[in-house]
Amino acid sequence: MITIFPTFFPSFACKADKCRHTCCQKWEIDIDEDTARKYRHTPGPLGDELRAWITTGDEGSACFRLNDQGYCHFLNEKGLCRLILEMGPSSLCQICRDHPRFYKFTYDSQREEDVTLAGTGLACEETVEQLASVAVATTADKSIFFIILLLN
């Protein structure tokens, strides 16, 4: 198996409240089945709030309803996720854990092995800053800023 990803990918972290924008707005935030089940059984006031803000999306899966301003209800006034603050990062649904990371799985028929291409979306402020800093740092020596990981 071959995996190709930018050098900053393993240590990539959301800027959270330091970002001038937020990913937590204006799109359907899908909730994977395991996390939806966990949210439906979360006790106390936060559990009640979770259940109140979960709805069924266009494709029939669970998702968060957005507030009147188009933001995730759990994004606080400081730009931080209340679910992380109150329940920890492991409480997040899959899309919130992964985004803006993406993975593309393919097969290299010449080498006869699986290939995974991984990266982060260019709409993300942190991604652009990371790419710009790597590009500046590597321009002088013409280094490539992707890592190719070969696994047998």
C-alpha atoms as a PDB file:
ATOM      1  CA  MET A   1       0.000   0.000   0.000  1.00  0.00           C
ATOM      2  CA  ILE A   2       1.179   3.506  -0.837  1.00  0.00           C
ATOM      3  CA  THR A   3      -0.014   6.561   1.068  1.00  0.00           C
ATOM      4  CA  ILE A   4       0.729  10.074  -0.200  1.00  0.00           C
ATOM      5  CA  PHE A   5       0.050  13.104   1.999  1.00  0.00           C
ATOM      6  CA  PRO A   6       1.383  16.615   2.678  1.00  0.00           C
ATOM      7  CA  THR A   7       4.205  16.804   5.223  1.00  0.00           C
ATOM      8  CA  PHE A   8       2.008  18.729   7.672  1.00  0.00           C
ATOM      9  CA  PHE A   9      -0.850  16.204   7.501  1.00  0.00           C
ATOM     10  CA  PRO A  10       0.037  14.041  10.541  1.00  0.00           C
ATOM     11  CA  SER A  11       0.182  17.081  12.844  1.00  0.00           C
ATOM     12  CA  PHE A  12      -2.669  19.067  11.252  1.00  0.00           C
ATOM     13  CA  ALA A  13      -4.942  20.717  13.823  1.00  0.00           C
ATOM     14  CA  CYS A  14      -7.899  23.041  13.520  1.00  0.00           C
ATOM     15  CA  LYS A  15      -7.222  26.657  14.526  1.00  0.00           C
ATOM     16  CA  ALA A  16     -10.608  26.675  16.296  1.00  0.00           C
ATOM     17  CA  ASP A  17     -11.194  30.076  17.901  1.00  0.00           C
ATOM     18  CA  LYS A  18      -8.125  31.549  16.151  1.00  0.00           C
ATOM     19  CA  CYS A  19      -9.641  30.995  12.704  1.00  0.00           C
ATOM     20  CA  ARG A  20     -11.292  33.957  11.006  1.00  0.00           C
ATOM     21  CA  HIS A  21     -13.867  31.573   9.535  1.00  0.00           C
ATOM     22  CA  THR A  22     -15.584  28.423  10.711  1.00  0.00           C
ATOM     23  CA  CYS A  23     -16.316  25.098   9.102  1.00  0.00           C
ATOM     24  CA  CYS A  24     -19.296  24.741  11.435  1.00  0.00           C
ATOM     25  CA  GLN A  25     -21.750  26.612   9.246  1.00  0.00           C
ATOM     26  CA  LYS A  26     -23.994  26.529   6.182  1.00  0.00           C
ATOM     27  CA  TRP A  27     -23.735  22.833   5.356  1.00  0.00           C
ATOM     28  CA  GLU A  28     -25.405  19.672   6.537  1.00  0.00           C
ATOM     29  CA  ILE A  29     -23.302  18.240   9.366  1.00  0.00           C
ATOM     30  CA  ASP A  30     -23.984  14.509   9.065  1.00  0.00           C
ATOM     31  CA  ILE A  31     -23.778  12.343  12.164  1.00  0.00           C
ATOM     32  CA  ASP A  32     -22.550   8.781  11.684  1.00  0.00           C
ATOM     33  CA  GLU A  33     -24.755   6.029  13.128  1.00  0.00           C
ATOM     34  CA  ASP A  34     -22.502   5.135  16.074  1.00  0.00           C
ATOM     35  CA  THR A  35     -22.222   8.751  17.213  1.00  0.00           C
ATOM     36  CA  ALA A  36     -25.950   9.393  16.698  1.00  0.00           C
ATOM     37  CA  ARG A  37     -26.659   6.414  18.943  1.00  0.00           C
ATOM     38  CA  LYS A  38     -24.233   7.800  21.557  1.00  0.00           C
ATOM     39  CA  TYR A  39     -25.828  11.280  21.345  1.00  0.00           C
ATOM     40  CA  ARG A  40     -29.341   9.821  21.727  1.00  0.00           C
ATOM     41  CA  HIS A  41     -28.233   8.149  24.972  1.00  0.00           C
ATOM     42  CA  THR A  42     -26.227  11.043  26.423  1.00  0.00           C
ATOM     43  CA  PRO A  43     -27.708  11.878  29.834  1.00  0.00           C
ATOM     44  CA  GLY A  44     -28.477  15.252  31.360  1.00  0.00           C
ATOM     45  CA  PRO A  45     -29.083  18.709  29.934  1.00  0.00           C
ATOM     46  CA  LEU A  46     -26.454  18.332  27.204  1.00  0.00           C
ATOM     47  CA  GLY A  47     -28.062  15.069  26.098  1.00  0.00           C
ATOM     48  CA  ASP A  48     -31.457  16.793  25.951  1.00  0.00           C
ATOM     49  CA  GLU A  49     -29.903  19.572  23.881  1.00  0.00           C
ATOM     50  CA  LEU A  50     -28.220  17.096  21.533  1.00  0.00           C
ATOM     51  CA  ARG A  51     -31.487  15.268  20.913  1.00  0.00           C
ATOM     52  CA  ALA A  52     -33.292  18.567  20.287  1.00  0.00           C
ATOM     53  CA  TRP A  53     -30.801  19.604  17.581  1.00  0.00           C
ATOM     54  CA  ILE A  54     -30.558  16.271  15.735  1.00  0.00           C
ATOM     55  CA  THR A  55     -32.769  15.915  12.691  1.00  0.00           C
ATOM     56  CA  THR A  56     -32.938  13.707   9.603  1.00  0.00           C
ATOM     57  CA  GLY A  57     -31.016  14.964   6.582  1.00  0.00           C
ATOM     58  CA  ASP A  58     -31.828  14.845   2.877  1.00  0.00           C
ATOM     59  CA  GLU A  59     -30.385  11.347   2.509  1.00  0.00           C
ATOM     60  CA  GLY A  60     -32.162   9.955   5.558  1.00  0.00           C
ATOM     61  CA  SER A  61     -29.231  10.027   7.964  1.00  0.00           C
ATOM     62  CA  ALA A  62     -28.976  11.925  11.231  1.00  0.00           C
ATOM     63  CA  CYS A  63     -27.544  15.435  11.105  1.00  0.00           C
ATOM     64  CA  PHE A  64     -27.454  18.605  13.187  1.00  0.00           C
ATOM     65  CA  ARG A  65     -30.009  21.326  12.525  1.00  0.00           C
ATOM     66  CA  LEU A  66     -28.323  24.690  12.083  1.00  0.00           C
ATOM     67  CA  ASN A  67     -29.370  27.729  14.109  1.00  0.00           C
ATOM     68  CA  ASP A  68     -31.071  30.786  12.578  1.00  0.00           C
ATOM     69  CA  GLN A  69     -27.682  32.231  11.552  1.00  0.00           C
ATOM     70  CA  GLY A  70     -26.728  28.999   9.748  1.00  0.00           C
ATOM     71  CA  TYR A  71     -24.201  27.816  12.343  1.00  0.00           C
ATOM     72  CA  CYS A  72     -23.984  24.581  14.289  1.00  0.00           C
ATOM     73  CA  HIS A  73     -25.870  25.089  17.540  1.00  0.00           C
ATOM     74  CA  PHE A  74     -22.882  23.744  19.499  1.00  0.00           C
ATOM     75  CA  LEU A  75     -20.441  26.396  18.228  1.00  0.00           C
ATOM     76  CA  ASN A  76     -20.086  28.859  21.106  1.00  0.00           C
ATOM     77  CA  GLU A  77     -19.608  32.636  20.924  1.00  0.00           C
ATOM     78  CA  LYS A  78     -15.814  32.191  21.092  1.00  0.00           C
ATOM     79  CA  GLY A  79     -15.819  29.920  18.028  1.00  0.00           C
ATOM     80  CA  LEU A  80     -15.235  26.752  20.030  1.00  0.00           C
ATOM     81  CA  CYS A  81     -17.206  23.510  19.924  1.00  0.00           C
ATOM     82  CA  ARG A  82     -19.180  22.941  23.107  1.00  0.00           C
ATOM     83  CA  LEU A  83     -19.181  19.189  22.493  1.00  0.00           C
ATOM     84  CA  ILE A  84     -15.378  19.142  22.667  1.00  0.00           C
ATOM     85  CA  LEU A  85     -15.363  21.447  25.674  1.00  0.00           C
ATOM     86  CA  GLU A  86     -17.964  19.454  27.611  1.00  0.00           C
ATOM     87  CA  MET A  87     -17.450  15.868  26.410  1.00  0.00           C
ATOM     88  CA  GLY A  88     -13.957  15.805  24.854  1.00  0.00           C
ATOM     89  CA  PRO A  89     -12.763  15.398  21.257  1.00  0.00           C
ATOM     90  CA  SER A  90     -13.770  11.732  21.122  1.00  0.00           C
ATOM     91  CA  SER A  91     -17.410  12.827  21.360  1.00  0.00           C
ATOM     92  CA  LEU A  92     -17.390  14.307  17.856  1.00  0.00           C
ATOM     93  CA  CYS A  93     -19.135  12.659  14.932  1.00  0.00           C
ATOM     94  CA  GLN A  94     -16.901  11.323  12.143  1.00  0.00           C
ATOM     95  CA  ILE A  95     -17.242  14.341   9.830  1.00  0.00           C
ATOM     96  CA  CYS A  96     -16.335  16.783  12.602  1.00  0.00           C
ATOM     97  CA  ARG A  97     -13.310  14.644  13.585  1.00  0.00           C
ATOM     98  CA  ASP A  98     -12.073  14.406   9.997  1.00  0.00           C
ATOM     99  CA  HIS A  99     -12.960  17.709   8.343  1.00  0.00           C
ATOM    100  CA  PRO A 100     -11.197  19.283   6.458  1.00  0.00           C
ATOM    101  CA  ARG A 101      -9.105  16.141   5.996  1.00  0.00           C
ATOM    102  CA  PHE A 102      -9.979  13.956   3.027  1.00  0.00           C
ATOM    103  CA  TYR A 103      -8.898  10.596   1.680  1.00  0.00           C
ATOM    104  CA  LYS A 104      -9.008   9.265  -1.857  1.00  0.00           C
ATOM    105  CA  PHE A 105      -8.542   5.525  -2.265  1.00  0.00           C
ATOM    106  CA  THR A 106      -7.428   4.145  -5.606  1.00  0.00           C
ATOM    107  CA  TYR A 107      -5.480   1.276  -7.132  1.00  0.00           C
ATOM    108  CA  ASP A 108      -2.215   1.514  -9.059  1.00  0.00           C
ATOM    109  CA  SER A 109      -2.528  -1.232 -11.670  1.00  0.00           C
ATOM    110  CA  GLN A 110       1.097  -0.835 -12.828  1.00  0.00           C
ATOM    111  CA  ARG A 111       2.452  -1.426  -9.318  1.00  0.00           C
ATOM    112  CA  GLU A 112      -0.476  -3.686  -8.412  1.00  0.00           C
ATOM    113  CA  GLU A 113      -1.134  -2.070  -5.057  1.00  0.00           C
ATOM    114  CA  ASP A 114      -3.593   0.176  -3.269  1.00  0.00           C
ATOM    115  CA  VAL A 115      -2.891   3.894  -3.094  1.00  0.00           C
ATOM    116  CA  THR A 116      -4.291   6.370  -0.585  1.00  0.00           C
ATOM    117  CA  LEU A 117      -4.090  10.072  -1.327  1.00  0.00           C
ATOM    118  CA  ALA A 118      -4.723  12.210   1.758  1.00  0.00           C
ATOM    119  CA  GLY A 119      -4.934  15.944   2.264  1.00  0.00           C
ATOM    120  CA  THR A 120      -6.851  18.834   3.723  1.00  0.00           C
ATOM    121  CA  GLY A 121      -9.330  21.082   1.935  1.00  0.00           C
ATOM    122  CA  LEU A 122      -8.173  24.372   0.475  1.00  0.00           C
ATOM    123  CA  ALA A 123     -11.181  26.213   1.919  1.00  0.00           C
ATOM    124  CA  CYS A 124      -9.521  25.766   5.325  1.00  0.00           C
ATOM    125  CA  GLU A 125      -7.473  28.724   6.563  1.00  0.00           C
ATOM    126  CA  GLU A 126      -4.978  26.463   8.394  1.00  0.00           C
ATOM    127  CA  THR A 127      -4.432  24.363   5.260  1.00  0.00           C
ATOM    128  CA  VAL A 128      -3.582  27.416   3.166  1.00  0.00           C
ATOM    129  CA  GLU A 129      -1.221  28.734   5.849  1.00  0.00           C
ATOM    130  CA  GLN A 130       0.506  25.350   6.137  1.00  0.00           C
ATOM    131  CA  LEU A 131       0.900  25.021   2.373  1.00  0.00           C
ATOM    132  CA  ALA A 132       2.205  28.591   2.076  1.00  0.00           C
ATOM    133  CA  SER A 133       4.770  28.091   4.847  1.00  0.00           C
ATOM    134  CA  VAL A 134       5.951  24.771   3.418  1.00  0.00           C
ATOM    135  CA  ALA A 135       6.158  26.222  -0.098  1.00  0.00           C
ATOM    136  CA  VAL A 136       8.253  29.165   1.143  1.00  0.00           C
ATOM    137  CA  ALA A 137      10.506  26.913   3.218  1.00  0.00           C
ATOM    138  CA  THR A 138      11.126  24.480   0.358  1.00  0.00           C
ATOM    139  CA  THR A 139      11.477  26.881  -2.570  1.00  0.00           C
ATOM    140  CA  ALA A 140      15.218  27.395  -2.078  1.00  0.00           C
ATOM    141  CA  ASP A 141      16.174  23.728  -2.223  1.00  0.00           C
ATOM    142  CA  LYS A 142      13.314  22.611  -4.491  1.00  0.00           C
ATOM    143  CA  SER A 143      12.224  19.993  -1.954  1.00  0.00           C
ATOM    144  CA  ILE A 144       8.945  18.253  -2.477  1.00  0.00           C
ATOM    145  CA  PHE A 145       6.485  18.736   0.374  1.00  0.00           C
ATOM    146  CA  PHE A 146       4.599  15.495   0.172  1.00  0.00           C
ATOM    147  CA  ILE A 147       5.486  12.309   1.958  1.00  0.00           C
ATOM    148  CA  ILE A 148       5.083   8.956   0.258  1.00  0.00           C
ATOM    149  CA  LEU A 149       4.634   6.122   2.703  1.00  0.00           C
ATOM    150  CA  LEU A 150       5.168   2.636   1.302  1.00  0.00           C
ATOM    151  CA  LEU A 151       3.688  -0.220   3.304  1.00  0.00           C
ATOM    152  CA  ASN A 152       4.131  -3.844   2.381  1.00  0.00           C
END
